[in-house]
Amino acid sequence: MGHLVKRRYWLAQIEAGWKRRSVIWLSGVRRTGKTSLTHSLEQVEYFDCELPRVRRMVEDPEAFLDGLRGQRVVLDEVHRLRDPAQLLKIAADHYPAVQILATGSSTLGASRKFRDTLTGRKSELWLTPMILADLADFPPERLEHRLLRGGLPPLFLSHESPEREFQEWMDAYWAKDIQELFRLERRDSFQRFAELLMTRSSGIFEAQRFARECEVSRTTIRNYLRALEATFVAHVIRPYSTHRATELVSAPKVYAFDTGFVCYHRGWHALRRDDCGLLWEHVVLNELHGRLQSRDVRYWRDKRGHEIDFVLAPRGRPPIAIECKWSANDVDLSNLKAFRRAYATGENFLVAHDVDRPSIRHDGTLTLTILPLPKLIEQLLP
């Protein structure tokens, strides 16, 4: 069913990417829909690089590209090639009329073989779990369903509760992403760590606690986290700080990549209102990642416990504070006031699920814009 869905937002991003460069690198975690997206492109020639026949075809890049002049080409799972960087570099430099979309499970999936980084030669597109724009293309068009099932299309579309598929995904992730890219040996410890991270998603990361529970060293835990972050399965949100004595400066928060996995590992089969706030925070982070195409998101906390969910710090501009609430009625200005005592200037946003148009609230010197998530993204896009 997934291959029938035309994800209009992402198809438009691919077209825009091809206007900038002839080569696009499309990354994202497994089952996020990369292959289905490429199959919904019109007038492209598709090559699955996992097939030995295809790998033999591209052993002579010039002969391969000569036969494709003026065409649009998909190279799916391009990191399976012996030297993908050479092929893409030759295509970008000498065959600009051949438009190539190259896919892989993560940016790291290609990096070990990408001796030439292709800087300046490719557009990059990170296909995140489903963003809000995708909901219009996928039935059922319900945010609550997206929170519970997550944003991987096959699991979102599953007619039955896809519990077995969550575990199958983790098994494939270990076998195809982790073992091929990292020298990690203890599968049980790694999977235990990944499960604990998803259960505690959005919490402050304490390496010592995880080391004790997974029966490995703190160094091993840090290596596990690096592997999860590099493959887009965990997002490490570091503190925003100018190293003031009153702020947390080193302890990161870690978010799981998808709400479906959070619900699965917490044992949530139906959503209560109290669960929605946590999951909404994940949806907002995913929207920031997907729409801004950046992982440069921070949080802020002082030693008195005041906290801002997300802080964006554009170069040369004051920090932008973003608070996430399932309901706009839950607004508490004490955190924003504490933040603005430390950082006086900058925009303040509260993004809520239950508002459909922006409004402004003033409290002393503080100005807060309360708005729906799509309007937040409009405010943040250049």
Protein backbone atom coordinates (compact mmCIF):
# COMPACT_ATOMS: atom_id res chain seq x y z
CA MET A 1 0.00 0.00 0.00
CA GLY A 2 2.84 2.39 0.88
CA HIS A 3 4.16 2.57 -2.68
CA LEU A 4 0.81 3.98 -3.89
CA VAL A 5 1.12 7.04 -1.66
CA LYS A 6 2.51 10.14 -3.35
CA ARG A 7 4.24 12.17 -0.65
CA ARG A 8 3.81 15.52 -2.29
CA TYR A 9 5.97 17.55 0.09
CA TRP A 10 9.02 15.30 -0.34
CA LEU A 11 8.56 14.95 -4.11
CA ALA A 12 8.64 18.76 -4.32
CA GLN A 13 11.85 18.78 -2.25
CA ILE A 14 13.47 16.34 -4.67
CA GLU A 15 12.52 18.55 -7.62
CA ALA A 16 13.94 21.58 -5.81
CA GLY A 17 17.14 19.67 -5.03
CA TRP A 18 17.63 18.74 -8.67
CA LYS A 19 17.38 22.41 -9.59
CA ARG A 20 20.39 23.08 -7.34
CA ARG A 21 22.54 20.05 -8.16
CA SER A 22 22.36 17.09 -10.53
CA VAL A 23 23.07 14.66 -7.66
CA ILE A 24 20.84 14.33 -4.57
CA TRP A 25 21.76 12.19 -1.57
CA LEU A 26 18.55 11.00 0.15
CA SER A 27 19.15 9.64 3.65
CA GLY A 28 16.98 8.44 6.50
CA VAL A 29 16.46 5.49 8.81
CA ARG A 30 15.29 2.18 7.38
CA ARG A 31 11.61 1.92 6.45
CA THR A 32 11.13 5.67 6.52
CA GLY A 33 9.93 5.36 2.93
CA LYS A 34 12.95 6.15 0.74
CA THR A 35 12.40 3.34 -1.75
CA SER A 36 8.63 3.96 -1.96
CA LEU A 37 9.31 7.65 -2.52
CA THR A 38 11.69 6.90 -5.40
CA HIS A 39 9.12 4.54 -6.99
CA SER A 40 6.54 7.34 -6.97
CA LEU A 41 8.82 9.59 -9.05
CA GLU A 42 7.76 9.79 -12.68
CA GLN A 43 10.05 9.11 -15.64
CA VAL A 44 13.02 7.77 -13.71
CA GLU A 45 15.16 4.70 -14.30
CA TYR A 46 15.49 2.70 -11.09
CA PHE A 47 18.56 0.68 -10.06
CA ASP A 48 18.68 -1.39 -6.85
CA CYS A 49 22.33 -1.43 -5.80
CA GLU A 50 21.79 -4.46 -3.58
CA LEU A 51 21.54 -6.58 -6.76
CA PRO A 52 24.85 -8.07 -8.02
CA ARG A 53 23.70 -7.41 -11.60
CA VAL A 54 23.42 -3.68 -10.89
CA ARG A 55 26.78 -3.59 -9.10
CA ARG A 56 28.42 -5.17 -12.15
CA MET A 57 26.77 -2.57 -14.43
CA VAL A 58 28.36 0.34 -12.58
CA GLU A 59 31.87 -1.09 -12.32
CA ASP A 60 32.70 1.12 -15.33
CA PRO A 61 31.07 4.42 -14.27
CA GLU A 62 31.64 6.19 -17.59
CA ALA A 63 30.10 3.40 -19.67
CA PHE A 64 27.16 3.26 -17.24
CA LEU A 65 26.59 7.03 -17.36
CA ASP A 66 27.07 7.20 -21.15
CA GLY A 67 23.98 5.04 -21.50
CA LEU A 68 21.89 7.37 -19.34
CA ARG A 69 22.39 10.75 -20.98
CA GLY A 70 19.61 13.20 -20.16
CA GLN A 71 17.79 10.77 -17.86
CA ARG A 72 16.70 10.79 -14.26
CA VAL A 73 18.16 7.90 -12.32
CA VAL A 74 17.56 6.39 -8.88
CA LEU A 75 20.46 4.51 -7.28
CA ASP A 76 18.76 2.84 -4.31
CA GLU A 77 21.01 1.68 -1.43
CA VAL A 78 23.98 3.27 -3.19
CA HIS A 79 26.33 2.51 -0.29
CA ARG A 80 26.23 -1.15 -1.40
CA LEU A 81 28.47 -0.18 -4.32
CA ARG A 82 32.20 -0.73 -3.99
CA ASP A 83 33.01 2.94 -4.65
CA PRO A 84 29.83 5.03 -4.68
CA ALA A 85 31.74 8.31 -4.26
CA GLN A 86 33.62 7.82 -7.52
CA LEU A 87 30.44 7.15 -9.48
CA LEU A 88 28.61 10.19 -8.04
CA LYS A 89 31.64 12.46 -8.47
CA ILE A 90 32.03 11.52 -12.14
CA ALA A 91 28.29 12.00 -12.66
CA ALA A 92 28.30 15.44 -11.01
CA ASP A 93 31.43 16.68 -12.82
CA HIS A 94 31.04 15.17 -16.29
CA TYR A 95 27.40 14.15 -16.75
CA PRO A 96 25.37 17.08 -15.35
CA ALA A 97 22.47 16.21 -17.66
CA VAL A 98 22.03 12.91 -15.75
CA GLN A 99 19.99 13.68 -12.65
CA ILE A 100 20.73 11.14 -9.91
CA LEU A 101 18.88 10.43 -6.69
CA ALA A 102 21.06 8.22 -4.47
CA THR A 103 19.57 6.68 -1.32
CA GLY A 104 20.94 5.00 1.81
CA SER A 105 19.83 4.07 5.31
CA SER A 106 21.81 6.88 6.90
CA THR A 107 24.39 9.46 5.90
CA LEU A 108 26.95 7.29 7.66
CA GLY A 109 25.93 4.34 5.50
CA ALA A 110 27.82 5.96 2.68
CA SER A 111 30.49 7.89 4.54
CA ARG A 112 33.03 5.10 5.06
CA LYS A 113 33.16 4.57 1.32
CA PHE A 114 32.87 8.26 0.46
CA ARG A 115 36.55 9.11 0.46
CA ASP A 116 35.61 12.19 -1.54
CA THR A 117 32.90 13.93 0.45
CA LEU A 118 31.21 15.29 -2.68
CA THR A 119 31.07 18.70 -1.00
CA GLY A 120 29.53 21.20 -3.38
CA ARG A 121 28.56 18.43 -5.79
CA LYS A 122 25.33 17.16 -4.23
CA SER A 123 22.13 18.30 -2.60
CA GLU A 124 21.25 16.47 0.60
CA LEU A 125 17.75 15.55 1.71
CA TRP A 126 17.02 13.88 5.06
CA LEU A 127 13.76 11.93 4.92
CA THR A 128 12.54 11.99 8.51
CA PRO A 129 9.62 10.00 9.90
CA MET A 130 6.32 11.42 8.63
CA ILE A 131 5.88 15.17 9.05
CA LEU A 132 2.48 16.89 9.31
CA ALA A 133 2.38 17.51 5.55
CA ASP A 134 2.51 13.72 5.05
CA LEU A 135 -0.71 13.20 7.01
CA ALA A 136 -2.71 14.71 4.14
CA ASP A 137 -1.32 11.96 1.85
CA PHE A 138 -1.77 9.00 4.21
CA PRO A 139 -5.08 7.63 5.46
CA PRO A 140 -6.08 7.85 8.26
CA GLU A 141 -5.33 11.56 8.44
CA ARG A 142 -5.21 11.66 12.24
CA LEU A 143 -2.46 13.11 14.40
CA GLU A 144 -3.30 10.78 17.31
CA HIS A 145 -2.74 7.77 15.04
CA ARG A 146 0.63 9.25 14.03
CA LEU A 147 1.58 9.67 17.72
CA LEU A 148 0.76 6.07 18.60
CA ARG A 149 1.96 4.22 15.51
CA GLY A 150 4.83 6.55 14.68
CA GLY A 151 6.01 7.98 11.38
CA LEU A 152 7.41 4.96 9.50
CA PRO A 153 4.84 4.49 6.72
CA PRO A 154 4.53 0.66 6.83
CA LEU A 155 3.88 0.72 10.58
CA PHE A 156 1.55 3.73 10.33
CA LEU A 157 -0.48 1.97 7.62
CA SER A 158 -0.58 -1.44 9.31
CA HIS A 159 -4.16 -2.65 9.83
CA GLU A 160 -3.24 -4.41 13.07
CA SER A 161 -1.06 -3.23 15.93
CA PRO A 162 2.43 -3.63 14.43
CA GLU A 163 4.15 -4.78 17.64
CA ARG A 164 6.10 -7.55 15.95
CA GLU A 165 7.28 -5.10 13.29
CA PHE A 166 8.87 -2.84 15.89
CA GLN A 167 11.08 -5.71 17.08
CA GLU A 168 11.79 -6.86 13.52
CA TRP A 169 12.89 -3.30 12.73
CA MET A 170 15.33 -3.34 15.67
CA ASP A 171 16.73 -6.72 14.58
CA ALA A 172 17.29 -5.49 11.01
CA TYR A 173 18.78 -2.24 12.30
CA TRP A 174 21.35 -4.20 14.34
CA ALA A 175 22.19 -6.56 11.48
CA LYS A 176 22.30 -4.12 8.57
CA ASP A 177 23.17 -0.72 10.04
CA ILE A 178 25.11 -1.33 13.25
CA GLN A 179 27.13 -4.45 12.50
CA GLU A 180 28.15 -3.25 9.06
CA LEU A 181 29.25 0.20 10.26
CA PHE A 182 30.48 -0.18 13.84
CA ARG A 183 32.59 -2.69 15.68
CA LEU A 184 30.02 -3.39 18.37
CA GLU A 185 29.95 -6.96 19.64
CA ARG A 186 27.40 -7.26 22.43
CA ARG A 187 24.04 -7.27 20.71
CA ASP A 188 22.06 -7.85 23.92
CA SER A 189 23.67 -4.89 25.69
CA PHE A 190 23.25 -2.62 22.70
CA GLN A 191 19.60 -3.51 22.21
CA ARG A 192 18.95 -3.13 25.94
CA PHE A 193 20.48 0.34 25.76
CA ALA A 194 18.39 1.29 22.71
CA GLU A 195 15.21 0.06 24.44
CA LEU A 196 15.99 2.02 27.62
CA LEU A 197 16.68 5.17 25.58
CA MET A 198 13.33 4.88 23.84
CA THR A 199 11.53 4.24 27.12
CA ARG A 200 13.15 7.33 28.67
CA SER A 201 13.10 9.44 25.53
CA SER A 202 13.42 13.21 26.15
CA GLY A 203 15.14 12.67 29.49
CA ILE A 204 18.53 13.92 30.66
CA PHE A 205 21.22 11.45 29.60
CA GLU A 206 23.20 9.89 32.44
CA ALA A 207 25.87 7.54 31.07
CA GLN A 208 26.65 5.97 34.45
CA ARG A 209 23.06 4.89 35.01
CA PHE A 210 22.83 3.25 31.59
CA ALA A 211 26.24 1.59 32.07
CA ARG A 212 25.05 -0.02 35.29
CA GLU A 213 21.78 -1.26 33.81
CA CYS A 214 23.36 -2.58 30.59
CA GLU A 215 26.39 -4.06 32.41
CA VAL A 216 28.95 -2.31 30.24
CA SER A 217 31.39 0.57 30.76
CA ARG A 218 30.54 4.25 30.45
CA THR A 219 32.85 4.38 27.42
CA THR A 220 30.84 1.61 25.76
CA ILE A 221 27.59 3.46 26.51
CA ARG A 222 29.00 6.58 24.87
CA ASN A 223 30.00 4.52 21.83
CA TYR A 224 26.48 3.08 21.67
CA LEU A 225 25.00 6.57 21.81
CA ARG A 226 27.33 7.80 19.07
CA ALA A 227 26.19 4.91 16.86
CA LEU A 228 22.50 5.66 17.49
CA GLU A 229 23.02 9.36 16.82
CA ALA A 230 25.05 8.82 13.65
CA THR A 231 22.33 6.58 12.22
CA PHE A 232 19.51 9.05 13.12
CA VAL A 233 17.88 6.65 15.62
CA ALA A 234 18.63 8.93 18.59
CA HIS A 235 18.80 12.71 18.63
CA VAL A 236 21.18 14.18 21.18
CA ILE A 237 19.90 17.63 22.16
CA ARG A 238 22.68 19.56 23.85
CA PRO A 239 22.20 22.45 26.26
CA TYR A 240 22.15 26.00 25.02
CA SER A 241 24.51 27.91 27.26
CA THR A 242 27.01 30.72 27.38
CA HIS A 243 28.58 28.86 30.32
CA ARG A 244 26.83 30.87 32.99
CA ALA A 245 27.25 29.52 36.50
CA THR A 246 23.47 29.07 36.83
CA GLU A 247 22.97 26.88 33.71
CA LEU A 248 23.38 23.23 32.82
CA VAL A 249 26.22 23.23 30.33
CA SER A 250 27.06 19.60 29.56
CA ALA A 251 24.19 17.16 30.22
CA PRO A 252 22.35 16.41 26.95
CA LYS A 253 18.77 15.24 26.52
CA VAL A 254 18.24 12.29 24.19
CA TYR A 255 15.14 11.79 22.05
CA ALA A 256 14.17 8.61 20.22
CA PHE A 257 13.67 9.15 16.50
CA ASP A 258 10.02 8.09 16.39
CA THR A 259 6.93 8.25 18.60
CA GLY A 260 5.83 4.74 17.61
CA PHE A 261 8.94 3.23 19.19
CA VAL A 262 8.46 5.35 22.32
CA CYS A 263 4.89 4.04 22.68
CA TYR A 264 5.94 0.45 21.93
CA HIS A 265 8.74 0.41 24.51
CA ARG A 266 6.54 2.13 27.12
CA GLY A 267 3.77 -0.41 26.54
CA TRP A 268 1.23 2.21 25.43
CA HIS A 269 -1.53 0.63 23.31
CA ALA A 270 -3.88 3.61 23.55
CA LEU A 271 -3.17 7.25 24.29
CA ARG A 272 -4.20 9.07 27.43
CA ARG A 273 -4.15 12.86 27.44
CA ASP A 274 -1.18 12.84 29.81
CA ASP A 275 0.86 10.88 27.24
CA CYS A 276 0.19 13.32 24.40
CA GLY A 277 2.37 16.15 25.70
CA LEU A 278 5.53 14.04 25.61
CA LEU A 279 4.72 12.67 22.16
CA TRP A 280 3.81 16.13 20.83
CA GLU A 281 7.30 17.30 21.86
CA HIS A 282 8.74 14.51 19.67
CA VAL A 283 6.48 15.53 16.77
CA VAL A 284 7.64 19.15 17.04
CA LEU A 285 11.29 18.05 17.07
CA ASN A 286 10.69 15.81 14.03
CA GLU A 287 9.03 18.71 12.20
CA LEU A 288 12.00 20.99 12.97
CA HIS A 289 14.38 18.32 11.67
CA GLY A 290 12.40 17.51 8.53
CA ARG A 291 11.33 21.00 7.49
CA LEU A 292 14.52 22.87 8.47
CA GLN A 293 16.77 19.96 7.40
CA SER A 294 18.97 20.60 10.41
CA ARG A 295 19.81 18.82 13.66
CA ASP A 296 21.05 22.04 15.26
CA VAL A 297 18.42 22.16 17.99
CA ARG A 298 19.25 22.81 21.67
CA TYR A 299 17.39 22.94 24.97
CA TRP A 300 17.95 25.12 28.04
CA ARG A 301 17.79 24.42 31.74
CA ASP A 302 19.00 26.33 34.76
CA LYS A 303 20.02 24.87 38.10
CA ARG A 304 16.69 25.88 39.63
CA GLY A 305 14.87 23.54 37.25
CA HIS A 306 13.51 26.07 34.74
CA GLU A 307 13.59 24.54 31.27
CA ILE A 308 12.88 25.50 27.65
CA ASP A 309 11.99 22.56 25.39
CA PHE A 310 13.91 23.73 22.32
CA VAL A 311 16.24 26.62 21.57
CA LEU A 312 17.37 27.60 18.09
CA ALA A 313 20.43 29.82 17.86
CA PRO A 314 20.79 31.12 14.29
CA ARG A 315 24.22 32.56 13.60
CA GLY A 316 24.37 36.24 14.46
CA ARG A 317 20.82 36.33 15.90
CA PRO A 318 19.43 36.11 19.43
CA PRO A 319 18.20 32.68 20.62
CA ILE A 320 14.67 31.57 19.69
CA ALA A 321 12.75 29.85 22.51
CA ILE A 322 10.19 27.16 21.62
CA GLU A 323 7.84 25.61 24.18
CA CYS A 324 5.66 22.61 23.21
CA LYS A 325 2.22 22.08 24.77
CA TRP A 326 -0.54 19.68 23.77
CA SER A 327 -2.98 22.40 24.85
CA ALA A 328 -2.43 26.15 24.78
CA ASN A 329 -4.27 26.26 28.11
CA ASP A 330 -1.25 24.57 29.73
CA VAL A 331 1.00 27.60 29.22
CA ASP A 332 3.30 28.45 32.14
CA LEU A 333 5.40 31.56 31.58
CA SER A 334 7.84 31.02 34.46
CA ASN A 335 10.29 29.05 32.31
CA LEU A 336 10.30 31.65 29.54
CA LYS A 337 10.72 34.45 32.05
CA ALA A 338 13.73 32.72 33.60
CA PHE A 339 15.24 32.19 30.14
CA ARG A 340 14.72 35.81 29.16
CA ARG A 341 16.32 37.02 32.37
CA ALA A 342 19.48 35.38 31.04
CA TYR A 343 18.91 36.16 27.34
CA ALA A 344 16.85 39.31 27.07
CA THR A 345 16.20 39.40 23.32
CA GLY A 346 14.79 36.85 20.91
CA GLU A 347 11.45 35.43 19.80
CA ASN A 348 9.30 33.27 22.10
CA PHE A 349 6.97 30.66 20.62
CA LEU A 350 4.51 28.28 22.21
CA VAL A 351 3.45 25.62 19.70
CA ALA A 352 0.21 23.89 20.63
CA HIS A 353 -1.84 21.13 19.05
CA ASP A 354 -5.20 22.76 19.79
CA VAL A 355 -4.79 26.17 18.13
CA ASP A 356 -5.37 26.92 14.46
CA ARG A 357 -4.21 30.52 14.20
CA PRO A 358 -1.44 32.57 15.85
CA SER A 359 -2.13 34.86 18.80
CA ILE A 360 0.09 37.14 20.88
CA ARG A 361 0.26 37.22 24.67
CA HIS A 362 2.05 39.94 26.64
CA ASP A 363 3.23 39.59 30.23
CA GLY A 364 5.35 42.50 31.41
CA THR A 365 8.32 42.69 29.05
CA LEU A 366 7.68 39.17 27.72
CA THR A 367 5.95 38.71 24.35
CA LEU A 368 4.81 35.18 23.51
CA THR A 369 3.44 33.99 20.15
CA ILE A 370 1.07 31.02 20.52
CA LEU A 371 0.65 29.19 17.23
CA PRO A 372 0.05 25.85 15.44
CA LEU A 373 3.04 23.84 14.29
CA PRO A 374 2.80 24.66 10.55
CA LYS A 375 2.81 28.38 11.39
CA LEU A 376 5.88 27.92 13.60
CA ILE A 377 7.74 26.39 10.68
CA GLU A 378 6.68 29.29 8.44
CA GLN A 379 8.15 31.70 10.99
CA LEU A 380 11.44 29.79 11.12
CA LEU A 381 12.03 29.12 7.43
CA PRO A 382 14.26 31.70 5.72
